Amino acid sequence: MDERLADELVASGHLTPDWRPSFLAVPREQFIPDIIWRQDRSRCGPDMVPLRRDEHPDQWLGLASGSQPVSIQVDDGHPVGPR
């Protein structure tokens, strides 16, 4: 996964080739908190819901190591509602 992401970043110009080895040497998920937030579109509108590493490790890792930005906090750390 990291190799593919590094290739995409170099191809898009977001990462220069000389930084590629450094990018690959440090796993991104080491810098991502255990709870991240994803959009849940199954409800009436877009809603941010927590995704916990210990409950859904494969989904969490997929988002944490993907090429899209990861939301690590919503509502200043105090989300509204039970979810």
Protein backbone atom coordinates (compact mmCIF):
# COMPACT_ATOMS: atom_id res chain seq x y z
CA MET A 1 0.00 0.00 0.00
CA ASP A 2 2.73 2.48 0.92
CA GLU A 3 4.63 1.80 -2.31
CA ARG A 4 1.53 2.56 -4.36
CA LEU A 5 0.76 5.70 -2.38
CA ALA A 6 4.37 6.87 -2.75
CA ASP A 7 4.16 6.29 -6.50
CA GLU A 8 0.89 8.26 -6.71
CA LEU A 9 2.34 11.14 -4.70
CA VAL A 10 5.48 11.31 -6.83
CA ALA A 11 3.46 11.12 -10.06
CA SER A 12 1.16 13.93 -8.90
CA GLY A 13 4.08 16.13 -7.87
CA HIS A 14 3.11 16.14 -4.17
CA LEU A 15 6.26 14.21 -3.24
CA THR A 16 9.64 14.64 -4.88
CA PRO A 17 11.52 11.44 -5.76
CA ASP A 18 14.31 12.24 -3.29
CA TRP A 19 11.76 12.17 -0.41
CA ARG A 20 10.28 8.81 -1.46
CA PRO A 21 12.68 6.67 0.69
CA SER A 22 11.88 8.77 3.78
CA PHE A 23 8.17 8.50 3.09
CA LEU A 24 8.44 4.71 2.86
CA ALA A 25 10.63 4.44 5.99
CA VAL A 26 8.00 5.84 8.36
CA PRO A 27 4.54 4.22 8.51
CA ARG A 28 1.86 6.93 8.39
CA GLU A 29 -0.40 5.04 10.82
CA GLN A 30 2.10 5.64 13.64
CA PHE A 31 1.03 9.29 13.60
CA ILE A 32 -2.74 8.71 13.40
CA PRO A 33 -4.76 8.49 16.65
CA ASP A 34 -6.66 5.32 17.60
CA ILE A 35 -9.97 7.03 16.84
CA ILE A 36 -10.50 8.67 13.47
CA TRP A 37 -13.69 10.02 11.94
CA ARG A 38 -15.38 9.00 8.71
CA GLN A 39 -18.51 10.16 6.95
CA ASP A 40 -21.56 7.93 7.36
CA ARG A 41 -23.86 8.59 4.43
CA SER A 42 -26.34 5.86 5.42
CA ARG A 43 -28.24 8.29 7.63
CA CYS A 44 -30.34 11.28 6.55
CA GLY A 45 -27.27 13.34 5.69
CA PRO A 46 -23.52 13.23 5.93
CA ASP A 47 -22.54 12.55 9.50
CA MET A 48 -19.13 12.06 11.05
CA VAL A 49 -18.86 8.86 13.08
CA PRO A 50 -15.88 7.49 14.99
CA LEU A 51 -13.87 4.59 13.65
CA ARG A 52 -11.86 2.92 16.41
CA ARG A 53 -8.66 1.03 15.66
CA ASP A 54 -9.37 -1.69 18.23
CA GLU A 55 -12.93 -2.34 16.97
CA HIS A 56 -12.35 -2.18 13.18
CA PRO A 57 -8.61 -2.57 12.60
CA ASP A 58 -8.83 -3.32 8.87
CA GLN A 59 -11.12 -0.36 8.10
CA TRP A 60 -9.06 1.92 10.32
CA LEU A 61 -5.82 0.89 8.63
CA GLY A 62 -7.37 1.34 5.19
CA LEU A 63 -8.25 4.95 5.94
CA ALA A 64 -5.07 5.69 7.92
CA SER A 65 -2.79 4.44 5.17
CA GLY A 66 -4.83 5.73 2.22
CA SER A 67 -4.23 8.72 0.02
CA GLN A 68 -7.16 10.76 1.33
CA PRO A 69 -6.98 13.14 4.31
CA VAL A 70 -7.95 11.58 7.64
CA SER A 71 -10.22 13.44 10.07
CA ILE A 72 -8.76 13.05 13.53
CA GLN A 73 -11.08 15.42 15.42
CA VAL A 74 -14.55 16.90 15.05
CA ASP A 75 -16.30 19.64 17.01
CA ASP A 76 -13.16 20.52 18.99
CA GLY A 77 -13.14 16.99 20.42
CA HIS A 78 -16.71 17.18 21.75
CA PRO A 79 -19.06 15.81 19.05
CA VAL A 80 -22.75 16.50 19.47
CA GLY A 81 -25.10 13.57 19.99
CA PRO A 82 -24.73 10.02 21.19
CA ARG A 83 -22.48 8.91 18.30
